[in-house]
């Protein structure tokens, strides 16, 4: 019993230090969207640019401002402005009228962002999302935490390994669709 009492004191002290315990009440674990997102070092828009620059680099090699503008359906001036910001964050190197080159960190970030995108996309495919899959992927990828992403990847790998179970899910989804 003494051990449990001591453990409770340790937990309460930790909660007090982290402003989660006030006046004998454990505070909620819920926050606003902005609170959840404030530790992200890149904005969703910056992430989109890095991911696209990484994609273009994988597919074509050299990346120019016009390439990014075409792929993201935006004006080259907007790309130049963002590229300068990402240059200041050491994600890429850019000189006016030259190619955009990802730094070592930029390659790592780009790879991670593309992997995240593909995992979410595949997960939504498994769920049977079709018409708005790209839009939903874009919305989710900027808010998902690493643990949830890992769980999605685990489920994807499970269905990949056990195709028979995946077939049952697809059959169930088709039957359910016929009932509605």
Protein backbone atom coordinates (compact mmCIF):
# COMPACT_ATOMS: atom_id res chain seq x y z
CA UNK A 1 0.00 0.00 0.00
CA UNK A 2 2.91 2.37 0.75
CA UNK A 3 4.25 1.83 -2.77
CA UNK A 4 0.90 2.80 -4.34
CA UNK A 5 0.69 5.89 -2.11
CA UNK A 6 4.24 6.91 -3.08
CA UNK A 7 3.49 6.29 -6.78
CA UNK A 8 0.37 8.47 -6.56
CA UNK A 9 2.44 11.29 -5.02
CA UNK A 10 4.99 11.01 -7.83
CA UNK A 11 2.24 11.15 -10.48
CA UNK A 12 0.53 14.12 -8.79
CA UNK A 13 3.84 15.99 -8.52
CA UNK A 14 4.51 15.34 -12.21
CA UNK A 15 1.03 16.57 -13.13
CA UNK A 16 1.47 19.69 -10.98
CA UNK A 17 4.79 20.49 -12.64
CA UNK A 18 3.18 20.14 -16.06
CA UNK A 19 0.06 22.16 -15.15
CA UNK A 20 -2.19 19.10 -15.43
CA UNK A 21 -3.25 19.05 -11.77
CA UNK A 22 -4.78 22.01 -10.01
CA UNK A 23 -6.63 22.02 -6.72
CA UNK A 24 -6.98 18.23 -6.49
CA UNK A 25 -8.35 17.92 -10.03
CA UNK A 26 -6.57 16.25 -12.92
CA UNK A 27 -7.07 18.51 -15.92
CA UNK A 28 -8.42 17.28 -19.22
CA UNK A 29 -6.12 15.81 -21.84
CA UNK A 30 -8.04 17.71 -24.54
CA UNK A 31 -6.75 20.85 -26.19
CA UNK A 32 -7.64 23.08 -29.11
CA UNK A 33 -6.37 22.19 -32.56
CA UNK A 34 -3.75 24.97 -32.38
CA UNK A 35 -2.39 23.62 -29.09
CA UNK A 36 -1.92 20.18 -30.59
CA UNK A 37 -0.14 21.65 -33.62
CA UNK A 38 2.12 24.22 -31.96
CA UNK A 39 5.11 21.86 -31.68
CA UNK A 40 5.21 21.26 -35.41
CA UNK A 41 8.32 22.91 -36.86
CA UNK A 42 6.88 23.27 -40.38
CA UNK A 43 3.49 24.67 -41.30
CA UNK A 44 1.16 22.45 -43.36
CA UNK A 45 1.90 24.63 -46.38
CA UNK A 46 5.66 24.26 -45.89
CA UNK A 47 5.20 20.50 -45.59
CA UNK A 48 3.28 20.45 -48.88
CA UNK A 49 6.12 22.28 -50.64
CA UNK A 50 8.84 20.04 -49.21
CA UNK A 51 6.88 16.91 -50.10
CA UNK A 52 6.31 18.13 -53.66
CA UNK A 53 9.92 19.21 -54.15
CA UNK A 54 10.98 15.77 -52.91
CA UNK A 55 8.53 14.05 -55.30
CA UNK A 56 9.73 16.08 -58.29
CA UNK A 57 13.33 15.38 -57.36
CA UNK A 58 12.64 11.63 -57.26
CA UNK A 59 10.84 11.67 -60.61
CA UNK A 60 12.87 14.15 -62.63
CA UNK A 61 16.03 15.02 -60.76
CA UNK A 62 16.46 18.76 -61.00
CA UNK A 63 13.66 20.91 -59.54
CA UNK A 64 12.83 24.42 -60.70
CA UNK A 65 10.34 26.94 -59.33
CA UNK A 66 8.11 26.48 -62.38
CA UNK A 67 7.95 22.70 -61.73
CA UNK A 68 6.67 23.21 -58.20
CA UNK A 69 4.23 25.90 -59.36
CA UNK A 70 2.82 23.58 -62.04
CA UNK A 71 2.45 20.61 -59.69
CA UNK A 72 0.81 22.63 -56.89
CA UNK A 73 -1.27 24.78 -59.28
CA UNK A 74 0.06 28.05 -57.90
CA UNK A 75 1.97 31.05 -59.20
CA UNK A 76 5.78 30.92 -59.44
CA UNK A 77 6.02 34.03 -57.21
CA UNK A 78 4.32 32.08 -54.40
CA UNK A 79 6.79 29.24 -54.83
CA UNK A 80 9.75 31.64 -54.74
CA UNK A 81 8.48 33.19 -51.51
CA UNK A 82 8.07 29.78 -49.84
CA UNK A 83 11.38 28.45 -51.16
CA UNK A 84 13.14 31.42 -49.53
CA UNK A 85 11.49 30.53 -46.19
CA UNK A 86 12.54 26.91 -46.53
CA UNK A 87 16.04 28.02 -47.47
CA UNK A 88 16.18 30.00 -44.21
CA UNK A 89 15.12 26.85 -42.32
CA UNK A 90 17.96 24.84 -43.95
CA UNK A 91 15.51 22.50 -45.66
CA UNK A 92 16.76 23.40 -49.12
CA UNK A 93 19.22 25.58 -51.02
CA UNK A 94 17.96 28.07 -53.53
CA UNK A 95 19.55 30.76 -55.63
CA UNK A 96 17.48 32.90 -57.96
CA UNK A 97 17.07 31.35 -61.44
CA UNK A 98 18.80 28.17 -60.30
CA UNK A 99 17.60 24.71 -59.32
CA UNK A 100 16.06 24.01 -55.93
CA UNK A 101 18.26 21.56 -54.04
CA UNK A 102 17.13 19.78 -50.88
CA UNK A 103 19.66 19.70 -48.06
CA UNK A 104 20.38 16.43 -46.25
CA UNK A 105 17.72 17.41 -43.72
CA UNK A 106 15.38 18.33 -46.58
CA UNK A 107 15.75 14.87 -48.11
CA UNK A 108 14.99 13.24 -44.76
CA UNK A 109 11.96 15.47 -44.17
CA UNK A 110 10.73 14.98 -47.74
CA UNK A 111 11.09 11.21 -47.48
CA UNK A 112 9.20 11.17 -44.18
CA UNK A 113 6.42 13.39 -45.55
CA UNK A 114 5.99 11.27 -48.68
CA UNK A 115 5.95 8.07 -46.63
CA UNK A 116 3.34 9.62 -44.33
CA UNK A 117 1.23 10.64 -47.34
CA UNK A 118 1.42 7.20 -48.91
CA UNK A 119 0.57 5.44 -45.64
CA UNK A 120 -2.53 7.55 -45.08
CA UNK A 121 -3.57 7.15 -48.72
CA UNK A 122 -3.24 3.36 -48.52
CA UNK A 123 -5.13 3.28 -45.21
CA UNK A 124 -7.99 5.25 -46.75
CA UNK A 125 -7.99 2.87 -49.72
CA UNK A 126 -8.41 -0.03 -47.29
CA UNK A 127 -11.35 1.78 -45.72
CA UNK A 128 -12.90 2.06 -49.16
CA UNK A 129 -12.57 5.83 -49.60
CA UNK A 130 -12.58 6.59 -53.33
CA UNK A 131 -13.97 9.90 -54.52
CA UNK A 132 -12.25 12.22 -52.06
CA UNK A 133 -9.22 10.10 -51.15
CA UNK A 134 -6.59 12.66 -52.17
CA UNK A 135 -8.36 15.52 -50.38
CA UNK A 136 -8.84 13.44 -47.23
CA UNK A 137 -5.20 12.35 -47.30
CA UNK A 138 -4.09 15.98 -47.52
CA UNK A 139 -6.29 16.97 -44.58
CA UNK A 140 -5.20 14.11 -42.35
CA UNK A 141 -1.48 14.19 -43.07
CA UNK A 142 -0.93 17.54 -41.41
CA UNK A 143 -2.63 16.60 -38.15
CA UNK A 144 -1.81 12.96 -37.54
CA UNK A 145 0.64 11.99 -34.81
CA UNK A 146 3.43 9.49 -35.25
CA UNK A 147 1.89 6.79 -33.05
CA UNK A 148 -1.37 6.79 -35.03
CA UNK A 149 0.56 6.70 -38.29
CA UNK A 150 2.52 3.67 -37.06
CA UNK A 151 -0.74 1.93 -36.16
CA UNK A 152 -2.08 2.60 -39.67
CA UNK A 153 1.09 1.16 -41.15
CA UNK A 154 0.78 -1.91 -38.94
CA UNK A 155 -2.77 -2.49 -40.18
CA UNK A 156 -1.68 -2.01 -43.80
CA UNK A 157 1.12 -4.54 -43.31
CA UNK A 158 -1.30 -6.95 -41.61
CA UNK A 159 -3.70 -6.86 -44.57
CA UNK A 160 -0.76 -7.19 -46.97
CA UNK A 161 0.44 -10.30 -45.15
CA UNK A 162 -3.03 -11.80 -44.71
CA UNK A 163 -4.67 -11.25 -48.09
CA UNK A 164 -7.50 -13.64 -47.21
CA UNK A 165 -8.62 -11.42 -44.35
CA UNK A 166 -8.31 -8.36 -46.57
CA UNK A 167 -10.52 -10.09 -49.14
CA UNK A 168 -13.13 -10.69 -46.43
CA UNK A 169 -13.07 -6.98 -45.56
CA UNK A 170 -13.53 -6.03 -49.22
CA UNK A 171 -16.38 -8.52 -49.57
CA UNK A 172 -18.04 -7.13 -46.44
CA UNK A 173 -17.65 -3.57 -47.74
CA UNK A 174 -19.22 -4.53 -51.07
CA UNK A 175 -22.12 -6.35 -49.38
CA UNK A 176 -22.74 -3.42 -47.06
CA UNK A 177 -22.70 -1.05 -50.03
CA UNK A 178 -25.38 -3.14 -51.75
CA UNK A 179 -27.62 -2.94 -48.64
CA UNK A 180 -27.69 0.86 -48.56
